[in-house]
Amino acid sequence: MKDLNNPITTKKTGLRDDALHTFDHLQLNLVAAVQTIADTAVSKKDKLLARFQKFDRELTWDEAVTFTRQHGCKLIKNSGSSRIFRHEKTGTKIRLHEPHPEPYLKRYMVEAILDGLKAAGEI
């Protein structure tokens, strides 16, 4: 329905109508794209949490770093392979040794990460 008080909709050429329609369509597509990206980011975080909770033997050190960063931790390197994940808000510390030469996490490492994040109130 056209608004007779709106000069854009009363033009006989219809060019402005087409432009507005195109703009509205693009705007709706942008909103949908942003929502899809947000849903994907949340689902990746949730999938990683599920892998930690069921202790996937294929979890790597890099995934542990990603997981702890997603939950507000900062990685601090100590001497040798000693590492500390420190929660930015609470100061909770998770002390581990980076595995080498294989990058896979041991069960005690996964448990320490989950316990530390629970203590920080993240999970």
PDB file of N, CA and C in Angstrom:
ATOM      1  N   MET A   1       0.840  -1.170   0.000  1.00  0.00           N
ATOM      2  CA  MET A   1       0.000   0.000   0.000  1.00  0.00           C
ATOM      3  C   MET A   1       0.886   1.234   0.000  1.00  0.00           C
ATOM      4  N   LYS A   2       0.626   2.178  -0.885  1.00  0.00           N
ATOM      5  CA  LYS A   2       1.461   3.368  -1.015  1.00  0.00           C
ATOM      6  C   LYS A   2       0.962   4.463  -0.096  1.00  0.00           C
ATOM      7  N   ASP A   3       1.923   5.144   0.509  1.00  0.00           N
ATOM      8  CA  ASP A   3       1.620   6.283   1.364  1.00  0.00           C
ATOM      9  C   ASP A   3       1.605   7.527   0.476  1.00  0.00           C
ATOM     10  N   LEU A   4       0.450   8.191   0.358  1.00  0.00           N
ATOM     11  CA  LEU A   4       0.331   9.352  -0.522  1.00  0.00           C
ATOM     12  C   LEU A   4       1.091  10.560  -0.004  1.00  0.00           C
ATOM     13  N   ASN A   5       1.452  10.589   1.258  1.00  0.00           N
ATOM     14  CA  ASN A   5       2.217  11.697   1.826  1.00  0.00           C
ATOM     15  C   ASN A   5       3.719  11.519   1.633  1.00  0.00           C
ATOM     16  N   ASN A   6       4.125  10.363   1.228  1.00  0.00           N
ATOM     17  CA  ASN A   6       5.537  10.073   1.045  1.00  0.00           C
ATOM     18  C   ASN A   6       5.912  10.371  -0.409  1.00  0.00           C
ATOM     19  N   PRO A   7       6.805  11.355  -0.658  1.00  0.00           N
ATOM     20  CA  PRO A   7       7.163  11.709  -2.037  1.00  0.00           C
ATOM     21  C   PRO A   7       7.851  10.584  -2.794  1.00  0.00           C
ATOM     22  N   ILE A   8       8.478   9.669  -2.070  1.00  0.00           N
ATOM     23  CA  ILE A   8       9.189   8.583  -2.735  1.00  0.00           C
ATOM     24  C   ILE A   8       8.204   7.634  -3.399  1.00  0.00           C
ATOM     25  N   THR A   9       7.096   7.359  -2.746  1.00  0.00           N
ATOM     26  CA  THR A   9       6.148   6.391  -3.295  1.00  0.00           C
ATOM     27  C   THR A   9       5.193   7.019  -4.301  1.00  0.00           C
ATOM     28  N   THR A  10       5.147   8.344  -4.382  1.00  0.00           N
ATOM     29  CA  THR A  10       4.216   8.966  -5.325  1.00  0.00           C
ATOM     30  C   THR A  10       4.882   9.281  -6.661  1.00  0.00           C
ATOM     31  N   LYS A  11       6.179   9.063  -6.803  1.00  0.00           N
ATOM     32  CA  LYS A  11       6.854   9.303  -8.079  1.00  0.00           C
ATOM     33  C   LYS A  11       6.327   8.327  -9.114  1.00  0.00           C
ATOM     34  N   LYS A  12       6.142   8.811 -10.319  1.00  0.00           N
ATOM     35  CA  LYS A  12       5.604   7.956 -11.376  1.00  0.00           C
ATOM     36  C   LYS A  12       6.681   7.061 -11.997  1.00  0.00           C
ATOM     37  N   THR A  13       7.974   7.449 -11.843  1.00  0.00           N
ATOM     38  CA  THR A  13       9.026   6.667 -12.496  1.00  0.00           C
ATOM     39  C   THR A  13       9.221   5.307 -11.853  1.00  0.00           C
ATOM     40  N   GLY A  14       8.991   5.242 -10.550  1.00  0.00           N
ATOM     41  CA  GLY A  14       9.167   3.970  -9.869  1.00  0.00           C
ATOM     42  C   GLY A  14      10.614   3.652  -9.543  1.00  0.00           C
ATOM     43  N   LEU A  15      11.590   4.482  -9.963  1.00  0.00           N
ATOM     44  CA  LEU A  15      12.998   4.212  -9.705  1.00  0.00           C
ATOM     45  C   LEU A  15      13.306   4.225  -8.216  1.00  0.00           C
ATOM     46  N   ARG A  16      12.736   5.178  -7.522  1.00  0.00           N
ATOM     47  CA  ARG A  16      12.988   5.247  -6.083  1.00  0.00           C
ATOM     48  C   ARG A  16      12.342   4.060  -5.378  1.00  0.00           C
ATOM     49  N   ASP A  17      11.180   3.657  -5.846  1.00  0.00           N
ATOM     50  CA  ASP A  17      10.532   2.481  -5.261  1.00  0.00           C
ATOM     51  C   ASP A  17      11.417   1.253  -5.424  1.00  0.00           C
ATOM     52  N   ASP A  18      11.963   1.091  -6.632  1.00  0.00           N
ATOM     53  CA  ASP A  18      12.839  -0.052  -6.891  1.00  0.00           C
ATOM     54  C   ASP A  18      14.089   0.016  -6.017  1.00  0.00           C
ATOM     55  N   ALA A  19      14.656   1.201  -5.888  1.00  0.00           N
ATOM     56  CA  ALA A  19      15.854   1.365  -5.069  1.00  0.00           C
ATOM     57  C   ALA A  19      15.564   1.038  -3.606  1.00  0.00           C
ATOM     58  N   LEU A  20      14.433   1.497  -3.108  1.00  0.00           N
ATOM     59  CA  LEU A  20      14.070   1.204  -1.721  1.00  0.00           C
ATOM     60  C   LEU A  20      13.810  -0.280  -1.516  1.00  0.00           C
ATOM     61  N   HIS A  21      13.150  -0.879  -2.486  1.00  0.00           N
ATOM     62  CA  HIS A  21      12.902  -2.314  -2.392  1.00  0.00           C
ATOM     63  C   HIS A  21      14.217  -3.083  -2.355  1.00  0.00           C
ATOM     64  N   THR A  22      15.147  -2.708  -3.228  1.00  0.00           N
ATOM     65  CA  THR A  22      16.463  -3.349  -3.268  1.00  0.00           C
ATOM     66  C   THR A  22      17.197  -3.130  -1.952  1.00  0.00           C
ATOM     67  N   PHE A  23      17.151  -1.918  -1.426  1.00  0.00           N
ATOM     68  CA  PHE A  23      17.804  -1.609  -0.157  1.00  0.00           C
ATOM     69  C   PHE A  23      17.213  -2.451   0.971  1.00  0.00           C
ATOM     70  N   ASP A  24      15.893  -2.535   1.029  1.00  0.00           N
ATOM     71  CA  ASP A  24      15.241  -3.348   2.059  1.00  0.00           C
ATOM     72  C   ASP A  24      15.659  -4.807   1.952  1.00  0.00           C
ATOM     73  N   HIS A  25      15.725  -5.291   0.724  1.00  0.00           N
ATOM     74  CA  HIS A  25      16.126  -6.676   0.495  1.00  0.00           C
ATOM     75  C   HIS A  25      17.561  -6.896   0.964  1.00  0.00           C
ATOM     76  N   LEU A  26      18.463  -5.978   0.633  1.00  0.00           N
ATOM     77  CA  LEU A  26      19.859  -6.093   1.057  1.00  0.00           C
ATOM     78  C   LEU A  26      19.977  -6.030   2.573  1.00  0.00           C
ATOM     79  N   GLN A  27      19.195  -5.169   3.181  1.00  0.00           N
ATOM     80  CA  GLN A  27      19.221  -5.028   4.625  1.00  0.00           C
ATOM     81  C   GLN A  27      18.768  -6.324   5.306  1.00  0.00           C
ATOM     82  N   LEU A  28      17.724  -6.939   4.788  1.00  0.00           N
ATOM     83  CA  LEU A  28      17.256  -8.202   5.344  1.00  0.00           C
ATOM     84  C   LEU A  28      18.297  -9.303   5.168  1.00  0.00           C
ATOM     85  N   ASN A  29      18.965  -9.328   4.012  1.00  0.00           N
ATOM     86  CA  ASN A  29      20.016 -10.308   3.779  1.00  0.00           C
ATOM     87  C   ASN A  29      21.173 -10.112   4.746  1.00  0.00           C
ATOM     88  N   LEU A  30      21.525  -8.857   5.016  1.00  0.00           N
ATOM     89  CA  LEU A  30      22.620  -8.559   5.939  1.00  0.00           C
ATOM     90  C   LEU A  30      22.275  -9.032   7.352  1.00  0.00           C
ATOM     91  N   VAL A  31      21.065  -8.764   7.785  1.00  0.00           N
ATOM     92  CA  VAL A  31      20.628  -9.203   9.107  1.00  0.00           C
ATOM     93  C   VAL A  31      20.684 -10.725   9.196  1.00  0.00           C
ATOM     94  N   ALA A  32      20.227 -11.410   8.175  1.00  0.00           N
ATOM     95  CA  ALA A  32      20.250 -12.873   8.157  1.00  0.00           C
ATOM     96  C   ALA A  32      21.688 -13.397   8.185  1.00  0.00           C
ATOM     97  N   ALA A  33      22.585 -12.751   7.448  1.00  0.00           N
ATOM     98  CA  ALA A  33      23.985 -13.175   7.413  1.00  0.00           C
ATOM     99  C   ALA A  33      24.642 -12.998   8.774  1.00  0.00           C
ATOM    100  N   VAL A  34      24.393 -11.886   9.430  1.00  0.00           N
ATOM    101  CA  VAL A  34      24.970 -11.638  10.754  1.00  0.00           C
ATOM    102  C   VAL A  34      24.454 -12.668  11.748  1.00  0.00           C
ATOM    103  N   GLN A  35      23.177 -13.001  11.689  1.00  0.00           N
ATOM    104  CA  GLN A  35      22.605 -14.006  12.584  1.00  0.00           C
ATOM    105  C   GLN A  35      23.231 -15.371  12.326  1.00  0.00           C
ATOM    106  N   THR A  36      23.459 -15.710  11.058  1.00  0.00           N
ATOM    107  CA  THR A  36      24.073 -16.987  10.717  1.00  0.00           C
ATOM    108  C   THR A  36      25.487 -17.062  11.273  1.00  0.00           C
ATOM    109  N   ILE A  37      26.239 -15.984  11.149  1.00  0.00           N
ATOM    110  CA  ILE A  37      27.606 -15.947  11.678  1.00  0.00           C
ATOM    111  C   ILE A  37      27.577 -16.113  13.190  1.00  0.00           C
ATOM    112  N   ALA A  38      26.667 -15.428  13.869  1.00  0.00           N
ATOM    113  CA  ALA A  38      26.557 -15.540  15.322  1.00  0.00           C
ATOM    114  C   ALA A  38      26.189 -16.962  15.725  1.00  0.00           C
ATOM    115  N   ASP A  39      25.271 -17.581  15.003  1.00  0.00           N
ATOM    116  CA  ASP A  39      24.876 -18.957  15.295  1.00  0.00           C
ATOM    117  C   ASP A  39      26.044 -19.913  15.094  1.00  0.00           C
ATOM    118  N   THR A  40      26.835 -19.702  14.046  1.00  0.00           N
ATOM    119  CA  THR A  40      27.981 -20.552  13.761  1.00  0.00           C
ATOM    120  C   THR A  40      29.018 -20.422  14.854  1.00  0.00           C
ATOM    121  N   ALA A  41      29.296 -19.201  15.297  1.00  0.00           N
ATOM    122  CA  ALA A  41      30.273 -18.988  16.348  1.00  0.00           C
ATOM    123  C   ALA A  41      29.840 -19.669  17.641  1.00  0.00           C
ATOM    124  N   VAL A  42      28.588 -19.550  17.972  1.00  0.00           N
ATOM    125  CA  VAL A  42      28.082 -20.180  19.181  1.00  0.00           C
ATOM    126  C   VAL A  42      28.162 -21.693  19.051  1.00  0.00           C
ATOM    127  N   SER A  43      27.801 -22.220  17.919  1.00  0.00           N
ATOM    128  CA  SER A  43      27.801 -23.669  17.768  1.00  0.00           C
ATOM    129  C   SER A  43      29.220 -24.227  17.797  1.00  0.00           C
ATOM    130  N   LYS A  44      30.207 -23.523  17.275  1.00  0.00           N
ATOM    131  CA  LYS A  44      31.594 -23.992  17.345  1.00  0.00           C
ATOM    132  C   LYS A  44      32.062 -24.046  18.790  1.00  0.00           C
ATOM    133  N   LYS A  45      31.706 -23.016  19.555  1.00  0.00           N
ATOM    134  CA  LYS A  45      32.068 -22.974  20.978  1.00  0.00           C
ATOM    135  C   LYS A  45      31.391 -24.128  21.713  1.00  0.00           C
ATOM    136  N   ASP A  46      30.119 -24.356  21.410  1.00  0.00           N
ATOM    137  CA  ASP A  46      29.377 -25.441  22.048  1.00  0.00           C
ATOM    138  C   ASP A  46      29.938 -26.811  21.669  1.00  0.00           C
ATOM    139  N   LYS A  47      30.323 -26.968  20.408  1.00  0.00           N
ATOM    140  CA  LYS A  47      30.883 -28.237  19.954  1.00  0.00           C
ATOM    141  C   LYS A  47      32.204 -28.530  20.660  1.00  0.00           C
ATOM    142  N   LEU A  48      33.029 -27.497  20.830  1.00  0.00           N
ATOM    143  CA  LEU A  48      34.304 -27.683  21.509  1.00  0.00           C
ATOM    144  C   LEU A  48      34.075 -28.024  22.976  1.00  0.00           C
ATOM    145  N   LEU A  49      33.111 -27.373  23.612  1.00  0.00           N
ATOM    146  CA  LEU A  49      32.768 -27.695  25.001  1.00  0.00           C
ATOM    147  C   LEU A  49      32.328 -29.152  25.113  1.00  0.00           C
ATOM    148  N   ALA A  50      31.504 -29.600  24.187  1.00  0.00           N
ATOM    149  CA  ALA A  50      31.041 -30.994  24.202  1.00  0.00           C
ATOM    150  C   ALA A  50      32.209 -31.963  24.059  1.00  0.00           C
ATOM    151  N   ARG A  51      33.172 -31.633  23.218  1.00  0.00           N
ATOM    152  CA  ARG A  51      34.348 -32.495  23.035  1.00  0.00           C
ATOM    153  C   ARG A  51      35.180 -32.556  24.317  1.00  0.00           C
ATOM    154  N   PHE A  52      35.296 -31.434  25.007  1.00  0.00           N
ATOM    155  CA  PHE A  52      36.032 -31.426  26.266  1.00  0.00           C
ATOM    156  C   PHE A  52      35.295 -32.237  27.331  1.00  0.00           C
ATOM    157  N   GLN A  53      33.988 -32.072  27.398  1.00  0.00           N
ATOM    158  CA  GLN A  53      33.215 -32.759  28.425  1.00  0.00           C
ATOM    159  C   GLN A  53      33.181 -34.269  28.240  1.00  0.00           C
ATOM    160  N   LYS A  54      33.237 -34.733  27.010  1.00  0.00           N
ATOM    161  CA  LYS A  54      33.242 -36.192  26.798  1.00  0.00           C
ATOM    162  C   LYS A  54      34.661 -36.744  26.674  1.00  0.00           C
ATOM    163  N   PHE A  55      35.658 -35.884  26.790  1.00  0.00           N
ATOM    164  CA  PHE A  55      37.082 -36.214  26.639  1.00  0.00           C
ATOM    165  C   PHE A  55      37.378 -36.935  25.328  1.00  0.00           C
ATOM    166  N   ASP A  56      37.430 -36.150  24.294  1.00  0.00           N
ATOM    167  CA  ASP A  56      37.827 -36.632  22.974  1.00  0.00           C
ATOM    168  C   ASP A  56      39.353 -36.800  22.988  1.00  0.00           C
ATOM    169  N   ARG A  57      39.831 -37.985  22.692  1.00  0.00           N
ATOM    170  CA  ARG A  57      41.273 -38.256  22.713  1.00  0.00           C
ATOM    171  C   ARG A  57      42.044 -37.486  21.633  1.00  0.00           C
ATOM    172  N   GLU A  58      41.318 -36.918  20.693  1.00  0.00           N
ATOM    173  CA  GLU A  58      41.941 -36.168  19.601  1.00  0.00           C
ATOM    174  C   GLU A  58      42.082 -34.676  19.916  1.00  0.00           C
ATOM    175  N   LEU A  59      41.740 -34.244  21.133  1.00  0.00           N
ATOM    176  CA  LEU A  59      41.867 -32.823  21.486  1.00  0.00           C
ATOM    177  C   LEU A  59      43.333 -32.426  21.484  1.00  0.00           C
ATOM    178  N   THR A  60      43.621 -31.291  20.854  1.00  0.00           N
ATOM    179  CA  THR A  60      45.000 -30.830  20.757  1.00  0.00           C
ATOM    180  C   THR A  60      45.245 -29.625  21.664  1.00  0.00           C
ATOM    181  N   TRP A  61      46.512 -29.303  21.831  1.00  0.00           N
ATOM    182  CA  TRP A  61      46.892 -28.146  22.630  1.00  0.00           C
ATOM    183  C   TRP A  61      46.298 -26.867  22.034  1.00  0.00           C
ATOM    184  N   ASP A  62      46.345 -26.737  20.723  1.00  0.00           N
ATOM    185  CA  ASP A  62      45.788 -25.540  20.068  1.00  0.00           C
ATOM    186  C   ASP A  62      44.295 -25.398  20.361  1.00  0.00           C
ATOM    187  N   GLU A  63      43.576 -26.504  20.397  1.00  0.00           N
ATOM    188  CA  GLU A  63      42.152 -26.453  20.733  1.00  0.00           C
ATOM    189  C   GLU A  63      41.950 -26.044  22.194  1.00  0.00           C
ATOM    190  N   ALA A  64      42.855 -26.465  23.065  1.00  0.00           N
ATOM    191  CA  ALA A  64      42.778 -26.052  24.469  1.00  0.00           C
ATOM    192  C   ALA A  64      42.987 -24.549  24.598  1.00  0.00           C
ATOM    193  N   VAL A  65      43.933 -24.017  23.838  1.00  0.00           N
ATOM    194  CA  VAL A  65      44.180 -22.575  23.856  1.00  0.00           C
ATOM    195  C   VAL A  65      42.947 -21.835  23.344  1.00  0.00           C
ATOM    196  N   THR A  66      42.380 -22.302  22.246  1.00  0.00           N
ATOM    197  CA  THR A  66      41.166 -21.682  21.689  1.00  0.00           C
ATOM    198  C   THR A  66      40.019 -21.753  22.688  1.00  0.00           C
ATOM    199  N   PHE A  67      39.820 -22.915  23.282  1.00  0.00           N
ATOM    200  CA  PHE A  67      38.724 -23.136  24.230  1.00  0.00           C
ATOM    201  C   PHE A  67      38.834 -22.214  25.444  1.00  0.00           C
ATOM    202  N   THR A  68      40.033 -22.119  26.008  1.00  0.00           N
ATOM    203  CA  THR A  68      40.202 -21.278  27.190  1.00  0.00           C
ATOM    204  C   THR A  68      40.080 -19.794  26.839  1.00  0.00           C
ATOM    205  N   ARG A  69      40.541 -19.400  25.673  1.00  0.00           N
ATOM    206  CA  ARG A  69      40.381 -18.001  25.245  1.00  0.00           C
ATOM    207  C   ARG A  69      38.910 -17.655  25.046  1.00  0.00           C
ATOM    208  N   GLN A  70      38.140 -18.584  24.508  1.00  0.00           N
ATOM    209  CA  GLN A  70      36.702 -18.372  24.332  1.00  0.00           C
ATOM    210  C   GLN A  70      36.010 -18.157  25.669  1.00  0.00           C
ATOM    211  N   HIS A  71      36.615 -18.663  26.736  1.00  0.00           N
ATOM    212  CA  HIS A  71      36.030 -18.553  28.068  1.00  0.00           C
ATOM    213  C   HIS A  71      36.769 -17.536  28.938  1.00  0.00           C
ATOM    214  N   GLY A  72      37.468 -16.614  28.324  1.00  0.00           N
ATOM    215  CA  GLY A  72      38.030 -15.477  29.045  1.00  0.00           C
ATOM    216  C   GLY A  72      39.397 -15.672  29.661  1.00  0.00           C
ATOM    217  N   CYS A  73      40.166 -16.646  29.200  1.00  0.00           N
ATOM    218  CA  CYS A  73      41.500 -16.881  29.755  1.00  0.00           C
ATOM    219  C   CYS A  73      42.592 -16.359  28.835  1.00  0.00           C
ATOM    220  N   LYS A  74      43.700 -16.032  29.453  1.00  0.00           N
ATOM    221  CA  LYS A  74      44.883 -15.584  28.717  1.00  0.00           C
ATOM    222  C   LYS A  74      45.988 -16.607  28.963  1.00  0.00           C
ATOM    223  N   LEU A  75      46.740 -16.943  27.913  1.00  0.00           N
ATOM    224  CA  LEU A  75      47.822 -17.908  28.025  1.00  0.00           C
ATOM    225  C   LEU A  75      49.100 -17.190  28.439  1.00  0.00           C
ATOM    226  N   ILE A  76      49.725 -17.693  29.506  1.00  0.00           N
ATOM    227  CA  ILE A  76      50.988 -17.138  29.983  1.00  0.00           C
ATOM    228  C   ILE A  76      52.032 -18.237  29.882  1.00  0.00           C
ATOM    229  N   LYS A  77      53.147 -17.937  29.217  1.00  0.00           N
ATOM    230  CA  LYS A  77      54.213 -18.930  29.066  1.00  0.00           C
ATOM    231  C   LYS A  77      55.203 -18.782  30.212  1.00  0.00           C
ATOM    232  N   ASN A  78      55.505 -19.905  30.865  1.00  0.00           N
ATOM    233  CA  ASN A  78      56.535 -19.953  31.894  1.00  0.00           C
ATOM    234  C   ASN A  78      57.777 -20.582  31.295  1.00  0.00           C
ATOM    235  N   SER A  79      58.683 -21.002  32.125  1.00  0.00           N
ATOM    236  CA  SER A  79      59.907 -21.621  31.628  1.00  0.00           C
ATOM    237  C   SER A  79      59.612 -23.009  31.060  1.00  0.00           C
ATOM    238  N   GLY A  80      60.373 -23.400  30.073  1.00  0.00           N
ATOM    239  CA  GLY A  80      60.189 -24.701  29.445  1.00  0.00           C
ATOM    240  C   GLY A  80      58.828 -24.818  28.800  1.00  0.00           C
ATOM    241  N   SER A  81      58.148 -25.923  29.073  1.00  0.00           N
ATOM    242  CA  SER A  81      56.831 -26.132  28.481  1.00  0.00           C
ATOM    243  C   SER A  81      55.700 -25.793  29.466  1.00  0.00           C
ATOM    244  N   SER A  82      56.057 -25.201  30.599  1.00  0.00           N
ATOM    245  CA  SER A  82      55.062 -24.823  31.597  1.00  0.00           C
ATOM    246  C   SER A  82      54.205 -23.665  31.086  1.00  0.00           C
ATOM    247  N   ARG A  83      52.894 -23.818  31.242  1.00  0.00           N
ATOM    248  CA  ARG A  83      51.951 -22.795  30.777  1.00  0.00           C
ATOM    249  C   ARG A  83      50.898 -22.555  31.849  1.00  0.00           C
ATOM    250  N   ILE A  84      50.402 -21.307  31.891  1.00  0.00           N
ATOM    251  CA  ILE A  84      49.327 -20.954  32.807  1.00  0.00           C
ATOM    252  C   ILE A  84      48.222 -20.295  31.991  1.00  0.00           C
ATOM    253  N   PHE A  85      47.000 -20.773  32.177  1.00  0.00           N
ATOM    254  CA  PHE A  85      45.829 -20.095  31.634  1.00  0.00           C
ATOM    255  C   PHE A  85      45.251 -19.296  32.799  1.00  0.00           C
ATOM    256  N   ARG A  86      45.229 -17.977  32.680  1.00  0.00           N
ATOM    257  CA  ARG A  86      44.707 -17.127  33.745  1.00  0.00           C
ATOM    258  C   ARG A  86      43.417 -16.484  33.282  1.00  0.00           C
ATOM    259  N   HIS A  87      42.364 -16.674  34.074  1.00  0.00           N
ATOM    260  CA  HIS A  87      41.070 -16.077  33.748  1.00  0.00           C
ATOM    261  C   HIS A  87      41.163 -14.581  34.006  1.00  0.00           C
ATOM    262  N   GLU A  88      40.814 -13.777  33.009  1.00  0.00           N
ATOM    263  CA  GLU A  88      40.981 -12.326  33.081  1.00  0.00           C
ATOM    264  C   GLU A  88      40.171 -11.671  34.196  1.00  0.00           C
ATOM    265  N   LYS A  89      38.938 -12.122  34.417  1.00  0.00           N
ATOM    266  CA  LYS A  89      38.067 -11.463  35.400  1.00  0.00           C
ATOM    267  C   LYS A  89      38.292 -11.950  36.820  1.00  0.00           C
ATOM    268  N   THR A  90      38.446 -13.267  36.994  1.00  0.00           N
ATOM    269  CA  THR A  90      38.529 -13.823  38.348  1.00  0.00           C
ATOM    270  C   THR A  90      39.958 -14.080  38.813  1.00  0.00           C
ATOM    271  N   GLY A  91      40.892 -14.175  37.878  1.00  0.00           N
ATOM    272  CA  GLY A  91      42.275 -14.471  38.246  1.00  0.00           C
ATOM    273  C   GLY A  91      42.540 -15.947  38.473  1.00  0.00           C
ATOM    274  N   THR A  92      41.546 -16.795  38.249  1.00  0.00           N
ATOM    275  CA  THR A  92      41.718 -18.244  38.405  1.00  0.00           C
ATOM    276  C   THR A  92      42.819 -18.724  37.463  1.00  0.00           C
ATOM    277  N   LYS A  93      43.714 -19.574  38.003  1.00  0.00           N
ATOM    278  CA  LYS A  93      44.839 -20.066  37.200  1.00  0.00           C
ATOM    279  C   LYS A  93      44.724 -21.565  36.967  1.00  0.00           C
ATOM    280  N   ILE A  94      45.024 -21.955  35.734  1.00  0.00           N
ATOM    281  CA  ILE A  94      45.074 -23.369  35.354  1.00  0.00           C
ATOM    282  C   ILE A  94      46.517 -23.627  34.916  1.00  0.00           C
ATOM    283  N   ARG A  95      47.231 -24.428  35.679  1.00  0.00           N
ATOM    284  CA  ARG A  95      48.657 -24.685  35.404  1.00  0.00           C
ATOM    285  C   ARG A  95      48.818 -26.036  34.698  1.00  0.00           C
ATOM    286  N   LEU A  96      49.464 -26.011  33.543  1.00  0.00           N
ATOM    287  CA  LEU A  96      49.690 -27.218  32.757  1.00  0.00           C
ATOM    288  C   LEU A  96      51.057 -27.153  32.094  1.00  0.00           C
ATOM    289  N   HIS A  97      51.481 -28.278  31.566  1.00  0.00           N
ATOM    290  CA  HIS A  97      52.654 -28.329  30.695  1.00  0.00           C
ATOM    291  C   HIS A  97      52.165 -28.616  29.291  1.00  0.00           C
ATOM    292  N   GLU A  98      52.632 -27.820  28.338  1.00  0.00           N
ATOM    293  CA  GLU A  98      52.248 -28.034  26.946  1.00  0.00           C
ATOM    294  C   GLU A  98      52.792 -29.385  26.503  1.00  0.00           C
ATOM    295  N   PRO A  99      51.928 -30.256  25.971  1.00  0.00           N
ATOM    296  CA  PRO A  99      52.396 -31.590  25.578  1.00  0.00           C
ATOM    297  C   PRO A  99      53.358 -31.526  24.386  1.00  0.00           C
ATOM    298  N   HIS A 100      54.361 -32.413  24.423  1.00  0.00           N
ATOM    299  CA  HIS A 100      55.306 -32.505  23.313  1.00  0.00           C
ATOM    300  C   HIS A 100      55.908 -33.891  23.313  1.00  0.00           C
ATOM    301  N   PRO A 101      56.336 -34.457  22.255  1.00  0.00           N
ATOM    302  CA  PRO A 101      56.263 -33.921  20.895  1.00  0.00           C
ATOM    303  C   PRO A 101      54.860 -34.021  20.291  1.00  0.00           C
ATOM    304  N   GLU A 102      54.007 -34.906  20.845  1.00  0.00           N
ATOM    305  CA  GLU A 102      52.637 -35.025  20.341  1.00  0.00           C
ATOM    306  C   GLU A 102      51.781 -33.895  20.919  1.00  0.00           C
ATOM    307  N   PRO A 103      50.874 -33.319  20.123  1.00  0.00           N
ATOM    308  CA  PRO A 103      50.083 -32.178  20.602  1.00  0.00           C
ATOM    309  C   PRO A 103      48.810 -32.561  21.378  1.00  0.00           C
ATOM    310  N   TYR A 104      48.568 -33.855  21.600  1.00  0.00           N
ATOM    311  CA  TYR A 104      47.291 -34.290  22.168  1.00  0.00           C
ATOM    312  C   TYR A 104      47.261 -34.125  23.683  1.00  0.00           C
ATOM    313  N   LEU A 105      46.081 -33.746  24.189  1.00  0.00           N
ATOM    314  CA  LEU A 105      45.890 -33.543  25.619  1.00  0.00           C
ATOM    315  C   LEU A 105      45.647 -34.865  26.334  1.00  0.00           C
ATOM    316  N   LYS A 106      46.174 -34.957  27.549  1.00  0.00           N
ATOM    317  CA  LYS A 106      45.900 -36.098  28.414  1.00  0.00           C
ATOM    318  C   LYS A 106      44.611 -35.822  29.188  1.00  0.00           C
ATOM    319  N   ARG A 107      44.035 -36.879  29.754  1.00  0.00           N
ATOM    320  CA  ARG A 107      42.779 -36.733  30.483  1.00  0.00           C
ATOM    321  C   ARG A 107      42.914 -35.740  31.639  1.00  0.00           C
ATOM    322  N   TYR A 108      44.014 -35.796  32.403  1.00  0.00           N
ATOM    323  CA  TYR A 108      44.173 -34.895  33.541  1.00  0.00           C
ATOM    324  C   TYR A 108      44.220 -33.428  33.101  1.00  0.00           C
ATOM    325  N   MET A 109      44.722 -33.168  31.891  1.00  0.00           N
ATOM    326  CA  MET A 109      44.782 -31.802  31.365  1.00  0.00           C
ATOM    327  C   MET A 109      43.373 -31.282  31.078  1.00  0.00           C
ATOM    328  N   VAL A 110      42.572 -32.124  30.441  1.00  0.00           N
ATOM    329  CA  VAL A 110      41.189 -31.747  30.124  1.00  0.00           C
ATOM    330  C   VAL A 110      40.415 -31.504  31.419  1.00  0.00           C
ATOM    331  N   GLU A 111      40.601 -32.389  32.404  1.00  0.00           N
ATOM    332  CA  GLU A 111      39.918 -32.226  33.690  1.00  0.00           C
ATOM    333  C   GLU A 111      40.354 -30.942  34.387  1.00  0.00           C
ATOM    334  N   ALA A 112      41.652 -30.615  34.323  1.00  0.00           N
ATOM    335  CA  ALA A 112      42.153 -29.387  34.946  1.00  0.00           C
ATOM    336  C   ALA A 112      41.550 -28.149  34.278  1.00  0.00           C
ATOM    337  N   ILE A 113      41.444 -28.182  32.972  1.00  0.00           N
ATOM    338  CA  ILE A 113      40.861 -27.050  32.236  1.00  0.00           C
ATOM    339  C   ILE A 113      39.388 -26.887  32.607  1.00  0.00           C
ATOM    340  N   LEU A 114      38.636 -27.985  32.593  1.00  0.00           N
ATOM    341  CA  LEU A 114      37.215 -27.917  32.938  1.00  0.00           C
ATOM    342  C   LEU A 114      37.015 -27.465  34.386  1.00  0.00           C
ATOM    343  N   ASP A 115      37.825 -27.995  35.324  1.00  0.00           N
ATOM    344  CA  ASP A 115      37.711 -27.593  36.727  1.00  0.00           C
ATOM    345  C   ASP A 115      38.041 -26.122  36.913  1.00  0.00           C
ATOM    346  N   GLY A 116      39.070 -25.644  36.215  1.00  0.00           N
ATOM    347  CA  GLY A 116      39.455 -24.237  36.317  1.00  0.00           C
ATOM    348  C   GLY A 116      38.378 -23.309  35.771  1.00  0.00           C
ATOM    349  N   LEU A 117      37.778 -23.684  34.656  1.00  0.00           N
ATOM    350  CA  LEU A 117      36.715 -22.851  34.068  1.00  0.00           C
ATOM    351  C   LEU A 117      35.440 -22.896  34.902  1.00  0.00           C
ATOM    352  N   LYS A 118      35.196 -24.043  35.562  1.00  0.00           N
ATOM    353  CA  LYS A 118      34.042 -24.107  36.482  1.00  0.00           C
ATOM    354  C   LYS A 118      34.292 -23.199  37.678  1.00  0.00           C
ATOM    355  N   ALA A 119      35.520 -23.204  38.197  1.00  0.00           N
ATOM    356  CA  ALA A 119      35.861 -22.349  39.333  1.00  0.00           C
ATOM    357  C   ALA A 119      35.748 -20.882  38.977  1.00  0.00           C
ATOM    358  N   ALA A 120      36.015 -20.550  37.714  1.00  0.00           N
ATOM    359  CA  ALA A 120      35.913 -19.161  37.241  1.00  0.00           C
ATOM    360  C   ALA A 120      34.484 -18.781  36.913  1.00  0.00           C
ATOM    361  N   GLY A 121      33.571 -19.774  36.926  1.00  0.00           N
ATOM    362  CA  GLY A 121      32.173 -19.506  36.638  1.00  0.00           C
ATOM    363  C   GLY A 121      31.858 -19.406  35.153  1.00  0.00           C
ATOM    364  N   GLU A 122      32.709 -19.960  34.316  1.00  0.00           N
ATOM    365  CA  GLU A 122      32.516 -19.887  32.870  1.00  0.00           C
ATOM    366  C   GLU A 122      31.676 -21.035  32.329  1.00  0.00           C
ATOM    367  N   ILE A 123      31.738 -22.187  32.980  1.00  0.00           N
ATOM    368  CA  ILE A 123      30.934 -23.333  32.527  1.00  0.00           C
ATOM    369  C   ILE A 123      30.256 -23.993  33.712  1.00  0.00           C
TER     370      ILE A 123
END
